[in-house]
Amino acid sequence: MDFSFLSKYYLFFIDGVRFTILLAFFTVLIGSVLGILLALMRLSNKKILNVISAAYIEFIRGTPILVQLYIVFYGLPNIGVTLPDTVAGIIALSVNSAAYIAEIVRAGIQAVDKGQMEAARSIGMSHTMGMRFIIIPQAIKNILPALGNEFITVIKESSIASIIGIHELMYNADTVRGNIFRPFEPLIVAAFMYFILTFSLSKLVGAFERRMKTSD
């Protein structure tokens, strides 16, 4: 084992971590918005919305993320939509993450006692207001651990974006491997950095979850 290359290439790994965090942040942000929308469509009484949401979720969850990434990056240019590699990566990861977040949000909403909505309607709230001010805030407490796990999953899955040339942690680790002709040590460094990211995030989510329970 020889890690002397770190003195020369440590900035490669640091830049990779920054890009990985950036990629994961926008993926979770966009994925959460789409996921909440899909969950509300899934719970809607309008059949067309329900069918569209269900079809989207089943298709995305039933196909590999690598295929979805290739469709966005290589397929869209065929219909005249050319995207920078970073944008294509964020879109592909967000589209994938949204399907899983939608199911998490749907389960969280359904776990809230139905009497909560009835109480909201009884004091004059519309269904939309009841969802916004009563149901969804309670659902967030239920789904926070699952959302935290999804964020951790996104950080790990973001490594697949290296395939289309996005300079995240895995791409930069591969670059170092090619430069120093040592195939193993850079991967150990990358794995350690991924572990630090995911472990720190899991502790942060756990602390936030405990704080929300205390506020109850």
Foldseek 3Di string as FASTA:
>chain_A
DDPPCCVVQVVLQVVQAVLLVVLLVLLLVLLLVLLQVLLCLCVDPDVVSVVVSVVLLCVLVVDDLLVLLCCQQVVVVVVPDHDPLSVSLSVSSNSNLNSVSNVLLNVLLVVPDPVQQVVCVVVPDDSVRSCVPPRNVSSCLVRLLVSLVSSLVSSVVSLSSVVVPDSHNNVSLVVVCVVVVPPPVSVVVSVVSSCVVSVVSNVVSVVVSVVVVVVD
